[in-house]
Amino acid sequence: MNITAKSLLVPALLLAAAPALACDYPTRPQIPDGTTASIDEMRSASTSVKEYLAKVDEYLNCIEQAEKDAIAAMETEPDQAEMKRRNEMLDKRFDAANEEKELVGEMFNQQVRAYKAKAADSGS
């Protein structure tokens, strides 16, 4: 699956699960076009991407804790089938969030490479 398809699919999966959760998924940062961005814009984007990645990690911790709390609040112990279903859903959320982190990181890195290529060309 290419980056464009992933960039649309992963947030859709995360948002589909969001109403059932008390955890807020962070908003993807804006990444400037490296071929036209200034150094300040690239630095700002770097900070935004790092903050976003940290917020995704907070989201992952939150959904894990929310699932533990939901199980603890059940009046009866969930059976194995229910636990398997819950674990599979949690795994899917984790996988989607981690894919999103990877995607955003790669999108930013592509723009950094474009910025560096532009800087190298202008310095020649």
PDB file of N, CA and C in Angstrom:
ATOM      1  N   MET A   1       0.857  -1.176   0.000  1.00  0.00           N
ATOM      2  CA  MET A   1       0.000   0.000   0.000  1.00  0.00           C
ATOM      3  C   MET A   1       0.898   1.231   0.000  1.00  0.00           C
ATOM      4  N   ASN A   2       0.599   2.190  -0.845  1.00  0.00           N
ATOM      5  CA  ASN A   2       1.461   3.362  -0.933  1.00  0.00           C
ATOM      6  C   ASN A   2       1.160   4.366   0.183  1.00  0.00           C
ATOM      7  N   ILE A   3       2.006   5.372   0.301  1.00  0.00           N
ATOM      8  CA  ILE A   3       1.889   6.353   1.391  1.00  0.00           C
ATOM      9  C   ILE A   3       0.563   7.099   1.327  1.00  0.00           C
ATOM     10  N   THR A   4       0.110   7.462   0.140  1.00  0.00           N
ATOM     11  CA  THR A   4      -1.147   8.205   0.020  1.00  0.00           C
ATOM     12  C   THR A   4      -2.312   7.379   0.540  1.00  0.00           C
ATOM     13  N   ALA A   5      -2.366   6.116   0.149  1.00  0.00           N
ATOM     14  CA  ALA A   5      -3.457   5.256   0.615  1.00  0.00           C
ATOM     15  C   ALA A   5      -3.394   5.071   2.122  1.00  0.00           C
ATOM     16  N   LYS A   6      -2.192   4.863   2.658  1.00  0.00           N
ATOM     17  CA  LYS A   6      -2.048   4.710   4.105  1.00  0.00           C
ATOM     18  C   LYS A   6      -2.427   5.983   4.840  1.00  0.00           C
ATOM     19  N   SER A   7      -2.067   7.129   4.243  1.00  0.00           N
ATOM     20  CA  SER A   7      -2.356   8.398   4.919  1.00  0.00           C
ATOM     21  C   SER A   7      -3.850   8.636   5.038  1.00  0.00           C
ATOM     22  N   LEU A   8      -4.646   7.985   4.215  1.00  0.00           N
ATOM     23  CA  LEU A   8      -6.101   8.100   4.307  1.00  0.00           C
ATOM     24  C   LEU A   8      -6.708   6.982   5.142  1.00  0.00           C
ATOM     25  N   LEU A   9      -6.153   5.782   5.041  1.00  0.00           N
ATOM     26  CA  LEU A   9      -6.729   4.629   5.711  1.00  0.00           C
ATOM     27  C   LEU A   9      -6.491   4.621   7.215  1.00  0.00           C
ATOM     28  N   VAL A  10      -5.293   4.885   7.635  1.00  0.00           N
ATOM     29  CA  VAL A  10      -4.957   4.779   9.056  1.00  0.00           C
ATOM     30  C   VAL A  10      -5.790   5.732   9.913  1.00  0.00           C
ATOM     31  N   PRO A  11      -5.887   7.022   9.572  1.00  0.00           N
ATOM     32  CA  PRO A  11      -6.732   7.899  10.396  1.00  0.00           C
ATOM     33  C   PRO A  11      -8.198   7.466  10.392  1.00  0.00           C
ATOM     34  N   ALA A  12      -8.663   6.920   9.277  1.00  0.00           N
ATOM     35  CA  ALA A  12     -10.053   6.457   9.219  1.00  0.00           C
ATOM     36  C   ALA A  12     -10.274   5.319  10.206  1.00  0.00           C
ATOM     37  N   LEU A  13      -9.321   4.401  10.293  1.00  0.00           N
ATOM     38  CA  LEU A  13      -9.444   3.303  11.253  1.00  0.00           C
ATOM     39  C   LEU A  13      -9.433   3.820  12.688  1.00  0.00           C
ATOM     40  N   LEU A  14      -8.571   4.778  12.946  1.00  0.00           N
ATOM     41  CA  LEU A  14      -8.481   5.324  14.299  1.00  0.00           C
ATOM     42  C   LEU A  14      -9.738   6.098  14.669  1.00  0.00           C
ATOM     43  N   LEU A  15     -10.259   6.871  13.731  1.00  0.00           N
ATOM     44  CA  LEU A  15     -11.461   7.651  14.009  1.00  0.00           C
ATOM     45  C   LEU A  15     -12.688   6.761  14.166  1.00  0.00           C
ATOM     46  N   ALA A  16     -12.708   5.645  13.459  1.00  0.00           N
ATOM     47  CA  ALA A  16     -13.840   4.733  13.578  1.00  0.00           C
ATOM     48  C   ALA A  16     -13.935   4.161  14.989  1.00  0.00           C
ATOM     49  N   ALA A  17     -12.807   3.969  15.622  1.00  0.00           N
ATOM     50  CA  ALA A  17     -12.780   3.428  16.974  1.00  0.00           C
ATOM     51  C   ALA A  17     -12.908   4.519  18.033  1.00  0.00           C
ATOM     52  N   ALA A  18     -12.674   5.752  17.672  1.00  0.00           N
ATOM     53  CA  ALA A  18     -12.618   6.850  18.636  1.00  0.00           C
ATOM     54  C   ALA A  18     -13.890   7.070  19.439  1.00  0.00           C
ATOM     55  N   PRO A  19     -15.107   6.977  18.850  1.00  0.00           N
ATOM     56  CA  PRO A  19     -16.288   7.243  19.665  1.00  0.00           C
ATOM     57  C   PRO A  19     -16.430   6.316  20.876  1.00  0.00           C
ATOM     58  N   ALA A  20     -15.888   5.127  20.784  1.00  0.00           N
ATOM     59  CA  ALA A  20     -15.994   4.182  21.882  1.00  0.00           C
ATOM     60  C   ALA A  20     -14.972   4.447  22.979  1.00  0.00           C
ATOM     61  N   LEU A  21     -14.083   5.383  22.751  1.00  0.00           N
ATOM     62  CA  LEU A  21     -12.995   5.633  23.688  1.00  0.00           C
ATOM     63  C   LEU A  21     -13.077   7.027  24.288  1.00  0.00           C
ATOM     64  N   ALA A  22     -12.538   7.147  25.496  1.00  0.00           N
ATOM     65  CA  ALA A  22     -12.449   8.463  26.124  1.00  0.00           C
ATOM     66  C   ALA A  22     -11.125   9.130  25.769  1.00  0.00           C
ATOM     67  N   CYS A  23     -10.301   8.432  25.033  1.00  0.00           N
ATOM     68  CA  CYS A  23      -8.979   8.931  24.668  1.00  0.00           C
ATOM     69  C   CYS A  23      -9.069   9.702  23.355  1.00  0.00           C
ATOM     70  N   ASP A  24      -8.393  10.840  23.318  1.00  0.00           N
ATOM     71  CA  ASP A  24      -8.411  11.663  22.115  1.00  0.00           C
ATOM     72  C   ASP A  24      -7.183  11.384  21.267  1.00  0.00           C
ATOM     73  N   TYR A  25      -7.424  11.055  19.999  1.00  0.00           N
ATOM     74  CA  TYR A  25      -6.325  10.848  19.076  1.00  0.00           C
ATOM     75  C   TYR A  25      -5.818  12.220  18.622  1.00  0.00           C
ATOM     76  N   PRO A  26      -4.513  12.432  18.653  1.00  0.00           N
ATOM     77  CA  PRO A  26      -3.985  13.756  18.290  1.00  0.00           C
ATOM     78  C   PRO A  26      -4.153  14.057  16.804  1.00  0.00           C
ATOM     79  N   THR A  27      -4.196  15.335  16.513  1.00  0.00           N
ATOM     80  CA  THR A  27      -4.305  15.795  15.129  1.00  0.00           C
ATOM     81  C   THR A  27      -2.937  15.732  14.469  1.00  0.00           C
ATOM     82  N   ARG A  28      -2.926  15.218  13.258  1.00  0.00           N
ATOM     83  CA  ARG A  28      -1.677  15.114  12.502  1.00  0.00           C
ATOM     84  C   ARG A  28      -1.119  16.518  12.247  1.00  0.00           C
ATOM     85  N   PRO A  29       0.189  16.700  12.453  1.00  0.00           N
ATOM     86  CA  PRO A  29       0.778  18.029  12.231  1.00  0.00           C
ATOM     87  C   PRO A  29       0.875  18.355  10.740  1.00  0.00           C
ATOM     88  N   GLN A  30       0.903  19.647  10.456  1.00  0.00           N
ATOM     89  CA  GLN A  30       1.129  20.106   9.086  1.00  0.00           C
ATOM     90  C   GLN A  30       2.621  19.974   8.790  1.00  0.00           C
ATOM     91  N   ILE A  31       2.916  19.394   7.652  1.00  0.00           N
ATOM     92  CA  ILE A  31       4.308  19.236   7.250  1.00  0.00           C
ATOM     93  C   ILE A  31       4.524  20.096   6.012  1.00  0.00           C
ATOM     94  N   PRO A  32       5.448  21.062   6.094  1.00  0.00           N
ATOM     95  CA  PRO A  32       5.665  21.958   4.958  1.00  0.00           C
ATOM     96  C   PRO A  32       6.332  21.249   3.783  1.00  0.00           C
ATOM     97  N   ASP A  33       6.170  21.826   2.620  1.00  0.00           N
ATOM     98  CA  ASP A  33       6.829  21.337   1.416  1.00  0.00           C
ATOM     99  C   ASP A  33       8.308  21.701   1.521  1.00  0.00           C
ATOM    100  N   GLY A  34       9.149  20.705   1.579  1.00  0.00           N
ATOM    101  CA  GLY A  34      10.583  20.937   1.740  1.00  0.00           C
ATOM    102  C   GLY A  34      11.217  21.705   0.602  1.00  0.00           C
ATOM    103  N   THR A  35      10.579  21.697  -0.575  1.00  0.00           N
ATOM    104  CA  THR A  35      11.169  22.414  -1.713  1.00  0.00           C
ATOM    105  C   THR A  35      10.952  23.916  -1.630  1.00  0.00           C
ATOM    106  N   THR A  36      10.010  24.343  -0.771  1.00  0.00           N
ATOM    107  CA  THR A  36       9.725  25.785  -0.659  1.00  0.00           C
ATOM    108  C   THR A  36       9.830  26.311   0.770  1.00  0.00           C
ATOM    109  N   ALA A  37       9.943  25.432   1.752  1.00  0.00           N
ATOM    110  CA  ALA A  37       9.932  25.838   3.168  1.00  0.00           C
ATOM    111  C   ALA A  37      11.233  26.521   3.571  1.00  0.00           C
ATOM    112  N   SER A  38      11.101  27.384   4.566  1.00  0.00           N
ATOM    113  CA  SER A  38      12.280  28.026   5.153  1.00  0.00           C
ATOM    114  C   SER A  38      12.837  27.122   6.252  1.00  0.00           C
ATOM    115  N   ILE A  39      14.009  27.430   6.715  1.00  0.00           N
ATOM    116  CA  ILE A  39      14.612  26.659   7.804  1.00  0.00           C
ATOM    117  C   ILE A  39      13.750  26.741   9.058  1.00  0.00           C
ATOM    118  N   ASP A  40      13.164  27.916   9.315  1.00  0.00           N
ATOM    119  CA  ASP A  40      12.314  28.067  10.491  1.00  0.00           C
ATOM    120  C   ASP A  40      11.063  27.197  10.383  1.00  0.00           C
ATOM    121  N   GLU A  41      10.489  27.106   9.190  1.00  0.00           N
ATOM    122  CA  GLU A  41       9.314  26.257   8.985  1.00  0.00           C
ATOM    123  C   GLU A  41       9.674  24.783   9.193  1.00  0.00           C
ATOM    124  N   MET A  42      10.828  24.385   8.729  1.00  0.00           N
ATOM    125  CA  MET A  42      11.260  22.990   8.901  1.00  0.00           C
ATOM    126  C   MET A  42      11.541  22.690  10.373  1.00  0.00           C
ATOM    127  N   ARG A  43      12.148  23.624  11.073  1.00  0.00           N
ATOM    128  CA  ARG A  43      12.402  23.425  12.509  1.00  0.00           C
ATOM    129  C   ARG A  43      11.084  23.336  13.280  1.00  0.00           C
ATOM    130  N   SER A  44      10.164  24.206  12.951  1.00  0.00           N
ATOM    131  CA  SER A  44       8.851  24.190  13.600  1.00  0.00           C
ATOM    132  C   SER A  44       8.134  22.866  13.320  1.00  0.00           C
ATOM    133  N   ALA A  45       8.223  22.402  12.085  1.00  0.00           N
ATOM    134  CA  ALA A  45       7.598  21.125  11.733  1.00  0.00           C
ATOM    135  C   ALA A  45       8.252  19.977  12.493  1.00  0.00           C
ATOM    136  N   SER A  46       9.556  20.036  12.649  1.00  0.00           N
ATOM    137  CA  SER A  46      10.266  19.000  13.402  1.00  0.00           C
ATOM    138  C   SER A  46       9.741  18.926  14.833  1.00  0.00           C
ATOM    139  N   THR A  47       9.589  20.080  15.452  1.00  0.00           N
ATOM    140  CA  THR A  47       9.045  20.137  16.816  1.00  0.00           C
ATOM    141  C   THR A  47       7.619  19.591  16.849  1.00  0.00           C
ATOM    142  N   SER A  48       6.811  19.992  15.876  1.00  0.00           N
ATOM    143  CA  SER A  48       5.421  19.540  15.822  1.00  0.00           C
ATOM    144  C   SER A  48       5.328  18.029  15.634  1.00  0.00           C
ATOM    145  N   VAL A  49       6.181  17.486  14.784  1.00  0.00           N
ATOM    146  CA  VAL A  49       6.168  16.038  14.541  1.00  0.00           C
ATOM    147  C   VAL A  49       6.583  15.298  15.820  1.00  0.00           C
ATOM    148  N   LYS A  50       7.614  15.779  16.496  1.00  0.00           N
ATOM    149  CA  LYS A  50       8.051  15.136  17.745  1.00  0.00           C
ATOM    150  C   LYS A  50       6.942  15.186  18.796  1.00  0.00           C
ATOM    151  N   GLU A  51       6.268  16.321  18.906  1.00  0.00           N
ATOM    152  CA  GLU A  51       5.158  16.436  19.857  1.00  0.00           C
ATOM    153  C   GLU A  51       4.018  15.498  19.482  1.00  0.00           C
ATOM    154  N   TYR A  52       3.728  15.409  18.196  1.00  0.00           N
ATOM    155  CA  TYR A  52       2.677  14.517  17.713  1.00  0.00           C
ATOM    156  C   TYR A  52       2.995  13.057  18.058  1.00  0.00           C
ATOM    157  N   LEU A  53       4.226  12.643  17.802  1.00  0.00           N
ATOM    158  CA  LEU A  53       4.618  11.264  18.099  1.00  0.00           C
ATOM    159  C   LEU A  53       4.480  10.967  19.593  1.00  0.00           C
ATOM    160  N   ALA A  54       4.840  11.933  20.429  1.00  0.00           N
ATOM    161  CA  ALA A  54       4.687  11.758  21.880  1.00  0.00           C
ATOM    162  C   ALA A  54       3.203  11.669  22.258  1.00  0.00           C
ATOM    163  N   LYS A  55       2.366  12.476  21.600  1.00  0.00           N
ATOM    164  CA  LYS A  55       0.926  12.441  21.887  1.00  0.00           C
ATOM    165  C   LYS A  55       0.297  11.135  21.432  1.00  0.00           C
ATOM    166  N   VAL A  56       0.790  10.557  20.345  1.00  0.00           N
ATOM    167  CA  VAL A  56       0.287   9.246  19.919  1.00  0.00           C
ATOM    168  C   VAL A  56       0.645   8.207  20.974  1.00  0.00           C
ATOM    169  N   ASP A  57       1.852   8.298  21.521  1.00  0.00           N
ATOM    170  CA  ASP A  57       2.231   7.370  22.593  1.00  0.00           C
ATOM    171  C   ASP A  57       1.321   7.539  23.810  1.00  0.00           C
ATOM    172  N   GLU A  58       0.983   8.787  24.140  1.00  0.00           N
ATOM    173  CA  GLU A  58       0.041   9.034  25.243  1.00  0.00           C
ATOM    174  C   GLU A  58      -1.321   8.423  24.925  1.00  0.00           C
ATOM    175  N   TYR A  59      -1.760   8.563  23.679  1.00  0.00           N
ATOM    176  CA  TYR A  59      -3.025   7.961  23.242  1.00  0.00           C
ATOM    177  C   TYR A  59      -2.988   6.445  23.429  1.00  0.00           C
ATOM    178  N   LEU A  60      -1.885   5.821  23.029  1.00  0.00           N
ATOM    179  CA  LEU A  60      -1.762   4.366  23.169  1.00  0.00           C
ATOM    180  C   LEU A  60      -1.840   3.955  24.636  1.00  0.00           C
ATOM    181  N   ASN A  61      -1.168   4.702  25.508  1.00  0.00           N
ATOM    182  CA  ASN A  61      -1.250   4.409  26.939  1.00  0.00           C
ATOM    183  C   ASN A  61      -2.680   4.576  27.441  1.00  0.00           C
ATOM    184  N   CYS A  62      -3.349   5.605  26.948  1.00  0.00           N
ATOM    185  CA  CYS A  62      -4.720   5.888  27.359  1.00  0.00           C
ATOM    186  C   CYS A  62      -5.668   4.763  26.951  1.00  0.00           C
ATOM    187  N   ILE A  63      -5.567   4.299  25.688  1.00  0.00           N
ATOM    188  CA  ILE A  63      -6.508   3.253  25.268  1.00  0.00           C
ATOM    189  C   ILE A  63      -6.228   1.938  25.980  1.00  0.00           C
ATOM    190  N   GLU A  64      -4.968   1.702  26.300  1.00  0.00           N
ATOM    191  CA  GLU A  64      -4.636   0.491  27.049  1.00  0.00           C
ATOM    192  C   GLU A  64      -5.245   0.564  28.458  1.00  0.00           C
ATOM    193  N   GLN A  65      -5.099   1.720  29.110  1.00  0.00           N
ATOM    194  CA  GLN A  65      -5.666   1.901  30.445  1.00  0.00           C
ATOM    195  C   GLN A  65      -7.195   1.872  30.402  1.00  0.00           C
ATOM    196  N   ALA A  66      -7.781   2.472  29.382  1.00  0.00           N
ATOM    197  CA  ALA A  66      -9.242   2.478  29.251  1.00  0.00           C
ATOM    198  C   ALA A  66      -9.772   1.055  29.104  1.00  0.00           C
ATOM    199  N   GLU A  67      -9.069   0.232  28.371  1.00  0.00           N
ATOM    200  CA  GLU A  67      -9.484  -1.164  28.202  1.00  0.00           C
ATOM    201  C   GLU A  67      -9.379  -1.909  29.529  1.00  0.00           C
ATOM    202  N   LYS A  68      -8.298  -1.694  30.261  1.00  0.00           N
ATOM    203  CA  LYS A  68      -8.149  -2.330  31.577  1.00  0.00           C
ATOM    204  C   LYS A  68      -9.269  -1.883  32.516  1.00  0.00           C
ATOM    205  N   ASP A  69      -9.579  -0.585  32.496  1.00  0.00           N
ATOM    206  CA  ASP A  69     -10.644  -0.057  33.342  1.00  0.00           C
ATOM    207  C   ASP A  69     -12.000  -0.640  32.957  1.00  0.00           C
ATOM    208  N   ALA A  70     -12.241  -0.780  31.653  1.00  0.00           N
ATOM    209  CA  ALA A  70     -13.518  -1.332  31.182  1.00  0.00           C
ATOM    210  C   ALA A  70     -13.680  -2.782  31.628  1.00  0.00           C
ATOM    211  N   ILE A  71     -12.617  -3.535  31.567  1.00  0.00           N
ATOM    212  CA  ILE A  71     -12.678  -4.940  31.994  1.00  0.00           C
ATOM    213  C   ILE A  71     -12.898  -5.013  33.502  1.00  0.00           C
ATOM    214  N   ALA A  72     -12.198  -4.160  34.246  1.00  0.00           N
ATOM    215  CA  ALA A  72     -12.340  -4.149  35.703  1.00  0.00           C
ATOM    216  C   ALA A  72     -13.758  -3.752  36.119  1.00  0.00           C
ATOM    217  N   ALA A  73     -14.421  -2.914  35.319  1.00  0.00           N
ATOM    218  CA  ALA A  73     -15.761  -2.442  35.658  1.00  0.00           C
ATOM    219  C   ALA A  73     -16.859  -3.451  35.311  1.00  0.00           C
ATOM    220  N   MET A  74     -16.512  -4.506  34.594  1.00  0.00           N
ATOM    221  CA  MET A  74     -17.522  -5.513  34.224  1.00  0.00           C
ATOM    222  C   MET A  74     -18.013  -6.230  35.475  1.00  0.00           C
ATOM    223  N   GLU A  75     -19.310  -6.520  35.480  1.00  0.00           N
ATOM    224  CA  GLU A  75     -19.885  -7.218  36.629  1.00  0.00           C
ATOM    225  C   GLU A  75     -19.476  -8.673  36.680  1.00  0.00           C
ATOM    226  N   THR A  76     -19.244  -9.252  35.518  1.00  0.00           N
ATOM    227  CA  THR A  76     -18.783 -10.639  35.457  1.00  0.00           C
ATOM    228  C   THR A  76     -17.485 -10.697  34.679  1.00  0.00           C
ATOM    229  N   GLU A  77     -16.705 -11.692  34.981  1.00  0.00           N
ATOM    230  CA  GLU A  77     -15.433 -11.888  34.295  1.00  0.00           C
ATOM    231  C   GLU A  77     -15.708 -12.222  32.821  1.00  0.00           C
ATOM    232  N   PRO A  78     -15.062 -11.515  31.877  1.00  0.00           N
ATOM    233  CA  PRO A  78     -15.298 -11.825  30.467  1.00  0.00           C
ATOM    234  C   PRO A  78     -14.771 -13.214  30.115  1.00  0.00           C
ATOM    235  N   ASP A  79     -15.497 -13.909  29.227  1.00  0.00           N
ATOM    236  CA  ASP A  79     -15.037 -15.240  28.820  1.00  0.00           C
ATOM    237  C   ASP A  79     -13.860 -15.104  27.852  1.00  0.00           C
ATOM    238  N   GLN A  80     -13.283 -16.237  27.488  1.00  0.00           N
ATOM    239  CA  GLN A  80     -12.091 -16.213  26.634  1.00  0.00           C
ATOM    240  C   GLN A  80     -12.378 -15.602  25.266  1.00  0.00           C
ATOM    241  N   ALA A  81     -13.539 -15.880  24.709  1.00  0.00           N
ATOM    242  CA  ALA A  81     -13.884 -15.328  23.396  1.00  0.00           C
ATOM    243  C   ALA A  81     -13.972 -13.806  23.464  1.00  0.00           C
ATOM    244  N   GLU A  82     -14.581 -13.289  24.529  1.00  0.00           N
ATOM    245  CA  GLU A  82     -14.697 -11.838  24.696  1.00  0.00           C
ATOM    246  C   GLU A  82     -13.317 -11.212  24.896  1.00  0.00           C
ATOM    247  N   MET A  83     -12.479 -11.842  25.691  1.00  0.00           N
ATOM    248  CA  MET A  83     -11.129 -11.320  25.913  1.00  0.00           C
ATOM    249  C   MET A  83     -10.320 -11.337  24.617  1.00  0.00           C
ATOM    250  N   LYS A  84     -10.484 -12.397  23.831  1.00  0.00           N
ATOM    251  CA  LYS A  84      -9.772 -12.480  22.556  1.00  0.00           C
ATOM    252  C   LYS A  84     -10.234 -11.351  21.630  1.00  0.00           C
ATOM    253  N   ARG A  85     -11.545 -11.116  21.565  1.00  0.00           N
ATOM    254  CA  ARG A  85     -12.083 -10.054  20.720  1.00  0.00           C
ATOM    255  C   ARG A  85     -11.557  -8.690  21.179  1.00  0.00           C
ATOM    256  N   ARG A  86     -11.582  -8.447  22.484  1.00  0.00           N
ATOM    257  CA  ARG A  86     -11.098  -7.171  23.022  1.00  0.00           C
ATOM    258  C   ARG A  86      -9.610  -6.977  22.724  1.00  0.00           C
ATOM    259  N   ASN A  87      -8.831  -8.043  22.904  1.00  0.00           N
ATOM    260  CA  ASN A  87      -7.392  -7.952  22.637  1.00  0.00           C
ATOM    261  C   ASN A  87      -7.115  -7.703  21.160  1.00  0.00           C
ATOM    262  N   GLU A  88      -7.889  -8.343  20.286  1.00  0.00           N
ATOM    263  CA  GLU A  88      -7.712  -8.129  18.847  1.00  0.00           C
ATOM    264  C   GLU A  88      -8.034  -6.685  18.472  1.00  0.00           C
ATOM    265  N   MET A  89      -9.090  -6.127  19.059  1.00  0.00           N
ATOM    266  CA  MET A  89      -9.442  -4.739  18.768  1.00  0.00           C
ATOM    267  C   MET A  89      -8.364  -3.785  19.292  1.00  0.00           C
ATOM    268  N   LEU A  90      -7.868  -4.045  20.484  1.00  0.00           N
ATOM    269  CA  LEU A  90      -6.803  -3.215  21.039  1.00  0.00           C
ATOM    270  C   LEU A  90      -5.554  -3.310  20.160  1.00  0.00           C
ATOM    271  N   ASP A  91      -5.228  -4.521  19.726  1.00  0.00           N
ATOM    272  CA  ASP A  91      -4.073  -4.704  18.842  1.00  0.00           C
ATOM    273  C   ASP A  91      -4.245  -3.924  17.543  1.00  0.00           C
ATOM    274  N   LYS A  92      -5.451  -3.927  16.992  1.00  0.00           N
ATOM    275  CA  LYS A  92      -5.698  -3.189  15.749  1.00  0.00           C
ATOM    276  C   LYS A  92      -5.516  -1.692  15.965  1.00  0.00           C
ATOM    277  N   ARG A  93      -5.966  -1.192  17.096  1.00  0.00           N
ATOM    278  CA  ARG A  93      -5.790   0.234  17.389  1.00  0.00           C
ATOM    279  C   ARG A  93      -4.313   0.567  17.553  1.00  0.00           C
ATOM    280  N   PHE A  94      -3.588  -0.301  18.253  1.00  0.00           N
ATOM    281  CA  PHE A  94      -2.154  -0.087  18.423  1.00  0.00           C
ATOM    282  C   PHE A  94      -1.444  -0.111  17.071  1.00  0.00           C
ATOM    283  N   ASP A  95      -1.772  -1.109  16.257  1.00  0.00           N
ATOM    284  CA  ASP A  95      -1.134  -1.224  14.948  1.00  0.00           C
ATOM    285  C   ASP A  95      -1.422   0.003  14.081  1.00  0.00           C
ATOM    286  N   ALA A  96      -2.684   0.444  14.078  1.00  0.00           N
ATOM    287  CA  ALA A  96      -3.058   1.608  13.265  1.00  0.00           C
ATOM    288  C   ALA A  96      -2.316   2.858  13.737  1.00  0.00           C
ATOM    289  N   ALA A  97      -2.241   3.060  15.042  1.00  0.00           N
ATOM    290  CA  ALA A  97      -1.558   4.239  15.571  1.00  0.00           C
ATOM    291  C   ALA A  97      -0.061   4.183  15.268  1.00  0.00           C
ATOM    292  N   ASN A  98       0.529   3.009  15.401  1.00  0.00           N
ATOM    293  CA  ASN A  98       1.959   2.890  15.104  1.00  0.00           C
ATOM    294  C   ASN A  98       2.235   3.061  13.618  1.00  0.00           C
ATOM    295  N   GLU A  99       1.335   2.582  12.761  1.00  0.00           N
ATOM    296  CA  GLU A  99       1.493   2.817  11.325  1.00  0.00           C
ATOM    297  C   GLU A  99       1.388   4.304  11.018  1.00  0.00           C
ATOM    298  N   GLU A 100       0.485   4.984  11.703  1.00  0.00           N
ATOM    299  CA  GLU A 100       0.326   6.424  11.503  1.00  0.00           C
ATOM    300  C   GLU A 100       1.601   7.163  11.931  1.00  0.00           C
ATOM    301  N   LYS A 101       2.183   6.759  13.053  1.00  0.00           N
ATOM    302  CA  LYS A 101       3.440   7.373  13.502  1.00  0.00           C
ATOM    303  C   LYS A 101       4.521   7.188  12.443  1.00  0.00           C
ATOM    304  N   GLU A 102       4.619   5.983  11.938  1.00  0.00           N
ATOM    305  CA  GLU A 102       5.620   5.680  10.921  1.00  0.00           C
ATOM    306  C   GLU A 102       5.371   6.507   9.653  1.00  0.00           C
ATOM    307  N   LEU A 103       4.127   6.611   9.274  1.00  0.00           N
ATOM    308  CA  LEU A 103       3.766   7.365   8.080  1.00  0.00           C
ATOM    309  C   LEU A 103       4.109   8.847   8.226  1.00  0.00           C
ATOM    310  N   VAL A 104       3.737   9.433   9.349  1.00  0.00           N
ATOM    311  CA  VAL A 104       4.037  10.851   9.568  1.00  0.00           C
ATOM    312  C   VAL A 104       5.548  11.075   9.605  1.00  0.00           C
ATOM    313  N   GLY A 105       6.259  10.184  10.255  1.00  0.00           N
ATOM    314  CA  GLY A 105       7.719  10.291  10.285  1.00  0.00           C
ATOM    315  C   GLY A 105       8.311  10.229   8.882  1.00  0.00           C
ATOM    316  N   GLU A 106       7.825   9.315   8.072  1.00  0.00           N
ATOM    317  CA  GLU A 106       8.341   9.186   6.703  1.00  0.00           C
ATOM    318  C   GLU A 106       7.959  10.396   5.858  1.00  0.00           C
ATOM    319  N   MET A 107       6.750  10.901   6.024  1.00  0.00           N
ATOM    320  CA  MET A 107       6.333  12.089   5.278  1.00  0.00           C
ATOM    321  C   MET A 107       7.246  13.273   5.621  1.00  0.00           C
ATOM    322  N   PHE A 108       7.537  13.432   6.905  1.00  0.00           N
ATOM    323  CA  PHE A 108       8.424  14.521   7.321  1.00  0.00           C
ATOM    324  C   PHE A 108       9.834  14.303   6.763  1.00  0.00           C
ATOM    325  N   ASN A 109      10.328  13.073   6.862  1.00  0.00           N
ATOM    326  CA  ASN A 109      11.675  12.787   6.365  1.00  0.00           C
ATOM    327  C   ASN A 109      11.791  13.050   4.866  1.00  0.00           C
ATOM    328  N   GLN A 110      10.740  12.765   4.116  1.00  0.00           N
ATOM    329  CA  GLN A 110      10.759  13.068   2.681  1.00  0.00           C
ATOM    330  C   GLN A 110      10.923  14.566   2.450  1.00  0.00           C
ATOM    331  N   GLN A 111      10.234  15.360   3.247  1.00  0.00           N
ATOM    332  CA  GLN A 111      10.334  16.817   3.090  1.00  0.00           C
ATOM    333  C   GLN A 111      11.688  17.336   3.561  1.00  0.00           C
ATOM    334  N   VAL A 112      12.261  16.703   4.565  1.00  0.00           N
ATOM    335  CA  VAL A 112      13.612  17.080   5.002  1.00  0.00           C
ATOM    336  C   VAL A 112      14.601  16.802   3.870  1.00  0.00           C
ATOM    337  N   ARG A 113      14.461  15.637   3.237  1.00  0.00           N
ATOM    338  CA  ARG A 113      15.359  15.322   2.114  1.00  0.00           C
ATOM    339  C   ARG A 113      15.175  16.333   0.976  1.00  0.00           C
ATOM    340  N   ALA A 114      13.932  16.702   0.710  1.00  0.00           N
ATOM    341  CA  ALA A 114      13.661  17.693  -0.338  1.00  0.00           C
ATOM    342  C   ALA A 114      14.279  19.040   0.038  1.00  0.00           C
ATOM    343  N   TYR A 115      14.163  19.415   1.302  1.00  0.00           N
ATOM    344  CA  TYR A 115      14.744  20.681   1.774  1.00  0.00           C
ATOM    345  C   TYR A 115      16.265  20.663   1.614  1.00  0.00           C
ATOM    346  N   LYS A 116      16.881  19.556   2.020  1.00  0.00           N
ATOM    347  CA  LYS A 116      18.342  19.451   1.928  1.00  0.00           C
ATOM    348  C   LYS A 116      18.809  19.469   0.479  1.00  0.00           C
ATOM    349  N   ALA A 117      18.038  18.828  -0.410  1.00  0.00           N
ATOM    350  CA  ALA A 117      18.395  18.838  -1.831  1.00  0.00           C
ATOM    351  C   ALA A 117      18.301  20.255  -2.384  1.00  0.00           C
ATOM    352  N   LYS A 118      17.259  20.980  -1.978  1.00  0.00           N
ATOM    353  CA  LYS A 118      17.101  22.370  -2.410  1.00  0.00           C
ATOM    354  C   LYS A 118      18.270  23.213  -1.903  1.00  0.00           C
ATOM    355  N   ALA A 119      18.642  23.016  -0.646  1.00  0.00           N
ATOM    356  CA  ALA A 119      19.742  23.777  -0.054  1.00  0.00           C
ATOM    357  C   ALA A 119      21.061  23.456  -0.752  1.00  0.00           C
ATOM    358  N   ALA A 120      21.262  22.187  -1.094  1.00  0.00           N
ATOM    359  CA  ALA A 120      22.486  21.792  -1.785  1.00  0.00           C
ATOM    360  C   ALA A 120      22.548  22.397  -3.182  1.00  0.00           C
ATOM    361  N   ASP A 121      21.387  22.420  -3.863  1.00  0.00           N
ATOM    362  CA  ASP A 121      21.336  22.998  -5.209  1.00  0.00           C
ATOM    363  C   ASP A 121      21.599  24.500  -5.193  1.00  0.00           C
ATOM    364  N   SER A 122      21.061  25.170  -4.182  1.00  0.00           N
ATOM    365  CA  SER A 122      21.236  26.628  -4.125  1.00  0.00           C
ATOM    366  C   SER A 122      22.651  27.012  -3.676  1.00  0.00           C
ATOM    367  N   GLY A 123      23.315  26.078  -3.024  1.00  0.00           N
ATOM    368  CA  GLY A 123      24.674  26.348  -2.565  1.00  0.00           C
ATOM    369  C   GLY A 123      25.719  26.039  -3.611  1.00  0.00           C
ATOM    370  N   SER A 124      25.319  25.374  -4.694  1.00  0.00           N
ATOM    371  CA  SER A 124      26.278  24.991  -5.747  1.00  0.00           C
ATOM    372  C   SER A 124      26.644  26.133  -6.628  1.00  0.00           C
TER     373      SER A 124
END
